[in-house]
């Protein structure tokens, strides 16, 4: 029944573009995953929610934990989840006129929805990162948290 509800809400939001319905679907999805795997415990810390996305959410979506979770070296507010062969990129051929379009943007949207609805607003984007000696680049989901998240994290660390 829950899967049917999620599916109907997703297509409803896709067809109409209504933000409220999309938000409802994201909230319902994260609520389901949290209750299933964490016993209704809500994450309040930055590393906790990142670990939850990297492991639990990724496992629900793709059947395995993401390849890596890293903190950006240049900016304090950036984190990266990397996947060698992201499922949504593996079976899709991009037309040449679309250049370097990354279907990982779909996954970035899911991650953004989970983070936003958990109270960790962020800008989330997908990027290809070339790997030496391999034909296909790896996909990196770049997460740039809002200032309010960093301030809250600093306050909780005291």
C-alpha atoms as a PDB file:
ATOM      1  CA  UNK A   1       0.000   0.000   0.000  1.00  0.00           C
ATOM      2  CA  UNK A   2       2.831   2.404   0.892  1.00  0.00           C
ATOM      3  CA  UNK A   3       4.574   1.721  -2.418  1.00  0.00           C
ATOM      4  CA  UNK A   4       1.350   2.479  -4.254  1.00  0.00           C
ATOM      5  CA  UNK A   5       0.919   5.721  -2.285  1.00  0.00           C
ATOM      6  CA  UNK A   6       4.502   6.782  -3.047  1.00  0.00           C
ATOM      7  CA  UNK A   7       4.077   5.919  -6.715  1.00  0.00           C
ATOM      8  CA  UNK A   8       0.822   7.867  -7.052  1.00  0.00           C
ATOM      9  CA  UNK A   9       2.250  10.895  -5.252  1.00  0.00           C
ATOM     10  CA  UNK A  10       5.394  10.802  -7.395  1.00  0.00           C
ATOM     11  CA  UNK A  11       3.506  10.728 -10.692  1.00  0.00           C
ATOM     12  CA  UNK A  12       1.065  13.328  -9.446  1.00  0.00           C
ATOM     13  CA  UNK A  13       3.942  15.671  -8.586  1.00  0.00           C
ATOM     14  CA  UNK A  14       5.704  14.861 -11.842  1.00  0.00           C
ATOM     15  CA  UNK A  15       2.628  15.626 -13.920  1.00  0.00           C
ATOM     16  CA  UNK A  16       1.542  18.772 -12.107  1.00  0.00           C
ATOM     17  CA  UNK A  17       4.857  20.089 -10.827  1.00  0.00           C
ATOM     18  CA  UNK A  18       3.320  20.928  -7.461  1.00  0.00           C
ATOM     19  CA  UNK A  19       6.001  21.378  -4.802  1.00  0.00           C
ATOM     20  CA  UNK A  20       3.701  20.385  -1.924  1.00  0.00           C
ATOM     21  CA  UNK A  21       3.068  16.949  -3.369  1.00  0.00           C
ATOM     22  CA  UNK A  22       6.769  16.389  -4.151  1.00  0.00           C
ATOM     23  CA  UNK A  23       7.643  17.415  -0.615  1.00  0.00           C
ATOM     24  CA  UNK A  24       4.981  15.056   0.725  1.00  0.00           C
ATOM     25  CA  UNK A  25       6.461  12.173  -1.265  1.00  0.00           C
ATOM     26  CA  UNK A  26       9.990  12.903  -0.045  1.00  0.00           C
ATOM     27  CA  UNK A  27       8.795  13.186   3.539  1.00  0.00           C
ATOM     28  CA  UNK A  28       6.858   9.939   3.246  1.00  0.00           C
ATOM     29  CA  UNK A  29       9.874   8.147   1.750  1.00  0.00           C
ATOM     30  CA  UNK A  30      12.329   9.361   4.380  1.00  0.00           C
ATOM     31  CA  UNK A  31       9.835   8.618   7.157  1.00  0.00           C
ATOM     32  CA  UNK A  32       9.438   5.077   5.861  1.00  0.00           C
ATOM     33  CA  UNK A  33      13.180   4.484   5.578  1.00  0.00           C
ATOM     34  CA  UNK A  34      13.897   5.971   9.019  1.00  0.00           C
ATOM     35  CA  UNK A  35      11.202   3.914  10.741  1.00  0.00           C
ATOM     36  CA  UNK A  36      12.312   0.782   8.926  1.00  0.00           C
ATOM     37  CA  UNK A  37      16.023   1.065   9.705  1.00  0.00           C
ATOM     38  CA  UNK A  38      16.445   3.396  12.678  1.00  0.00           C
ATOM     39  CA  UNK A  39      13.405   2.765  14.846  1.00  0.00           C
ATOM     40  CA  UNK A  40      12.047   6.331  14.507  1.00  0.00           C
ATOM     41  CA  UNK A  41      15.310   7.917  15.691  1.00  0.00           C
ATOM     42  CA  UNK A  42      15.743  11.298  13.977  1.00  0.00           C
ATOM     43  CA  UNK A  43      19.234  12.407  12.956  1.00  0.00           C
ATOM     44  CA  UNK A  44      20.261  15.806  14.292  1.00  0.00           C
ATOM     45  CA  UNK A  45      23.978  15.756  13.476  1.00  0.00           C
ATOM     46  CA  UNK A  46      25.611  16.348  10.094  1.00  0.00           C
ATOM     47  CA  UNK A  47      27.756  13.210  10.013  1.00  0.00           C
ATOM     48  CA  UNK A  48      24.810  11.130  11.198  1.00  0.00           C
ATOM     49  CA  UNK A  49      22.558  12.181   8.315  1.00  0.00           C
ATOM     50  CA  UNK A  50      25.405  11.824   5.796  1.00  0.00           C
ATOM     51  CA  UNK A  51      26.121   8.320   7.049  1.00  0.00           C
ATOM     52  CA  UNK A  52      22.396   7.529   6.860  1.00  0.00           C
ATOM     53  CA  UNK A  53      22.243   8.665   3.218  1.00  0.00           C
ATOM     54  CA  UNK A  54      25.558   6.985   2.301  1.00  0.00           C
ATOM     55  CA  UNK A  55      24.599   3.638   3.779  1.00  0.00           C
ATOM     56  CA  UNK A  56      20.892   3.133   4.516  1.00  0.00           C
ATOM     57  CA  UNK A  57      19.257   5.257   1.801  1.00  0.00           C
ATOM     58  CA  UNK A  58      21.777   4.075  -0.799  1.00  0.00           C
ATOM     59  CA  UNK A  59      21.153   0.453   0.167  1.00  0.00           C
ATOM     60  CA  UNK A  60      17.380   0.915  -0.180  1.00  0.00           C
ATOM     61  CA  UNK A  61      17.787   2.559  -3.598  1.00  0.00           C
ATOM     62  CA  UNK A  62      20.637   0.520  -5.112  1.00  0.00           C
ATOM     63  CA  UNK A  63      21.034  -2.595  -2.993  1.00  0.00           C
ATOM     64  CA  UNK A  64      24.488  -1.633  -1.685  1.00  0.00           C
ATOM     65  CA  UNK A  65      26.316   1.050   0.271  1.00  0.00           C
ATOM     66  CA  UNK A  66      27.824   3.900  -1.794  1.00  0.00           C
ATOM     67  CA  UNK A  67      31.502   3.513  -2.688  1.00  0.00           C
ATOM     68  CA  UNK A  68      32.709   6.489  -0.634  1.00  0.00           C
ATOM     69  CA  UNK A  69      31.705   9.438   1.512  1.00  0.00           C
ATOM     70  CA  UNK A  70      34.268  12.245   1.663  1.00  0.00           C
ATOM     71  CA  UNK A  71      34.551  15.749   3.050  1.00  0.00           C
ATOM     72  CA  UNK A  72      35.542  18.452   0.566  1.00  0.00           C
ATOM     73  CA  UNK A  73      39.067  19.805   1.029  1.00  0.00           C
ATOM     74  CA  UNK A  74      38.460  23.290  -0.341  1.00  0.00           C
ATOM     75  CA  UNK A  75      35.204  24.223   1.401  1.00  0.00           C
ATOM     76  CA  UNK A  76      34.004  23.443   4.908  1.00  0.00           C
ATOM     77  CA  UNK A  77      30.380  22.986   3.790  1.00  0.00           C
ATOM     78  CA  UNK A  78      30.950  20.422   1.017  1.00  0.00           C
ATOM     79  CA  UNK A  79      30.688  16.640   1.181  1.00  0.00           C
ATOM     80  CA  UNK A  80      30.809  14.081  -1.631  1.00  0.00           C
ATOM     81  CA  UNK A  81      29.240  10.687  -2.130  1.00  0.00           C
ATOM     82  CA  UNK A  82      30.997   8.817  -4.926  1.00  0.00           C
ATOM     83  CA  UNK A  83      29.890   5.795  -6.886  1.00  0.00           C
ATOM     84  CA  UNK A  84      32.075   4.013  -9.434  1.00  0.00           C
ATOM     85  CA  UNK A  85      29.149   2.930 -11.620  1.00  0.00           C
ATOM     86  CA  UNK A  86      25.907   4.603 -10.612  1.00  0.00           C
ATOM     87  CA  UNK A  87      22.985   2.432 -11.680  1.00  0.00           C
ATOM     88  CA  UNK A  88      21.128   5.251 -13.456  1.00  0.00           C
ATOM     89  CA  UNK A  89      24.191   5.955 -15.635  1.00  0.00           C
ATOM     90  CA  UNK A  90      25.010   2.334 -16.418  1.00  0.00           C
ATOM     91  CA  UNK A  91      22.073   1.502 -18.694  1.00  0.00           C
ATOM     92  CA  UNK A  92      21.359   4.851 -20.332  1.00  0.00           C
ATOM     93  CA  UNK A  93      22.967   6.081 -23.546  1.00  0.00           C
ATOM     94  CA  UNK A  94      23.208   9.863 -23.734  1.00  0.00           C
ATOM     95  CA  UNK A  95      22.796  11.376 -27.221  1.00  0.00           C
ATOM     96  CA  UNK A  96      25.901  13.164 -28.484  1.00  0.00           C
ATOM     97  CA  UNK A  97      24.082  16.501 -28.711  1.00  0.00           C
ATOM     98  CA  UNK A  98      23.479  16.412 -24.928  1.00  0.00           C
ATOM     99  CA  UNK A  99      27.215  16.424 -24.230  1.00  0.00           C
ATOM    100  CA  UNK A 100      28.171  15.329 -20.740  1.00  0.00           C
ATOM    101  CA  UNK A 101      24.659  15.109 -19.311  1.00  0.00           C
ATOM    102  CA  UNK A 102      24.743  13.098 -16.095  1.00  0.00           C
ATOM    103  CA  UNK A 103      21.685  11.014 -15.216  1.00  0.00           C
ATOM    104  CA  UNK A 104      23.047  11.052 -11.664  1.00  0.00           C
ATOM    105  CA  UNK A 105      21.191  14.362 -11.369  1.00  0.00           C
ATOM    106  CA  UNK A 106      18.116  12.225 -10.662  1.00  0.00           C
ATOM    107  CA  UNK A 107      19.896  10.635  -7.684  1.00  0.00           C
ATOM    108  CA  UNK A 108      21.130  14.083  -6.583  1.00  0.00           C
ATOM    109  CA  UNK A 109      17.468  15.149  -6.470  1.00  0.00           C
ATOM    110  CA  UNK A 110      16.592  12.181  -4.267  1.00  0.00           C
ATOM    111  CA  UNK A 111      19.491  12.991  -1.906  1.00  0.00           C
ATOM    112  CA  UNK A 112      18.390  16.639  -1.790  1.00  0.00           C
ATOM    113  CA  UNK A 113      14.831  15.595  -0.932  1.00  0.00           C
ATOM    114  CA  UNK A 114      16.023  13.344   1.884  1.00  0.00           C
ATOM    115  CA  UNK A 115      18.338  16.016   3.323  1.00  0.00           C
ATOM    116  CA  UNK A 116      15.805  18.856   3.024  1.00  0.00           C
ATOM    117  CA  UNK A 117      13.048  16.858   4.683  1.00  0.00           C
ATOM    118  CA  UNK A 118      15.402  15.777   7.464  1.00  0.00           C
ATOM    119  CA  UNK A 119      16.131  19.440   8.237  1.00  0.00           C
ATOM    120  CA  UNK A 120      19.504  19.693   6.470  1.00  0.00           C
ATOM    121  CA  UNK A 121      18.929  22.055   3.511  1.00  0.00           C
ATOM    122  CA  UNK A 122      21.600  21.719   0.839  1.00  0.00           C
ATOM    123  CA  UNK A 123      22.402  22.243  -2.809  1.00  0.00           C
ATOM    124  CA  UNK A 124      23.063  18.806  -4.320  1.00  0.00           C
ATOM    125  CA  UNK A 125      24.574  18.266  -7.780  1.00  0.00           C
ATOM    126  CA  UNK A 126      25.950  15.325  -9.774  1.00  0.00           C
ATOM    127  CA  UNK A 127      29.310  15.386 -11.548  1.00  0.00           C
ATOM    128  CA  UNK A 128      31.441  13.005 -13.596  1.00  0.00           C
ATOM    129  CA  UNK A 129      34.991  12.537 -12.297  1.00  0.00           C
ATOM    130  CA  UNK A 130      37.421  10.792 -14.685  1.00  0.00           C
ATOM    131  CA  UNK A 131      39.306   7.796 -13.298  1.00  0.00           C
ATOM    132  CA  UNK A 132      42.722   7.007 -14.680  1.00  0.00           C
ATOM    133  CA  UNK A 133      42.776   3.697 -16.552  1.00  0.00           C
ATOM    134  CA  UNK A 134      38.996   3.342 -16.807  1.00  0.00           C
ATOM    135  CA  UNK A 135      36.732   4.089 -19.730  1.00  0.00           C
ATOM    136  CA  UNK A 136      33.776   5.316 -17.670  1.00  0.00           C
ATOM    137  CA  UNK A 137      34.073   8.188 -15.183  1.00  0.00           C
ATOM    138  CA  UNK A 138      32.829   7.833 -11.634  1.00  0.00           C
ATOM    139  CA  UNK A 139      29.807   9.839 -10.493  1.00  0.00           C
ATOM    140  CA  UNK A 140      30.174  12.155  -7.527  1.00  0.00           C
ATOM    141  CA  UNK A 141      27.160  13.597  -5.740  1.00  0.00           C
ATOM    142  CA  UNK A 142      28.330  16.949  -4.364  1.00  0.00           C
ATOM    143  CA  UNK A 143      26.462  18.177  -1.286  1.00  0.00           C
ATOM    144  CA  UNK A 144      26.865  21.834  -0.272  1.00  0.00           C
ATOM    145  CA  UNK A 145      25.051  22.496   3.001  1.00  0.00           C
ATOM    146  CA  UNK A 146      23.316  25.772   3.866  1.00  0.00           C
ATOM    147  CA  UNK A 147      24.942  28.069   6.434  1.00  0.00           C
ATOM    148  CA  UNK A 148      22.181  27.345   8.952  1.00  0.00           C
ATOM    149  CA  UNK A 149      23.189  23.663   9.002  1.00  0.00           C
ATOM    150  CA  UNK A 150      26.829  24.503   9.735  1.00  0.00           C
ATOM    151  CA  UNK A 151      25.845  26.964  12.477  1.00  0.00           C
ATOM    152  CA  UNK A 152      23.579  24.366  14.084  1.00  0.00           C
ATOM    153  CA  UNK A 153      26.354  21.757  13.888  1.00  0.00           C
ATOM    154  CA  UNK A 154      28.834  24.154  15.546  1.00  0.00           C
ATOM    155  CA  UNK A 155      26.300  24.900  18.299  1.00  0.00           C
ATOM    156  CA  UNK A 156      25.673  21.180  18.924  1.00  0.00           C
ATOM    157  CA  UNK A 157      29.423  20.488  19.047  1.00  0.00           C
ATOM    158  CA  UNK A 158      29.958  22.783  22.034  1.00  0.00           C
END
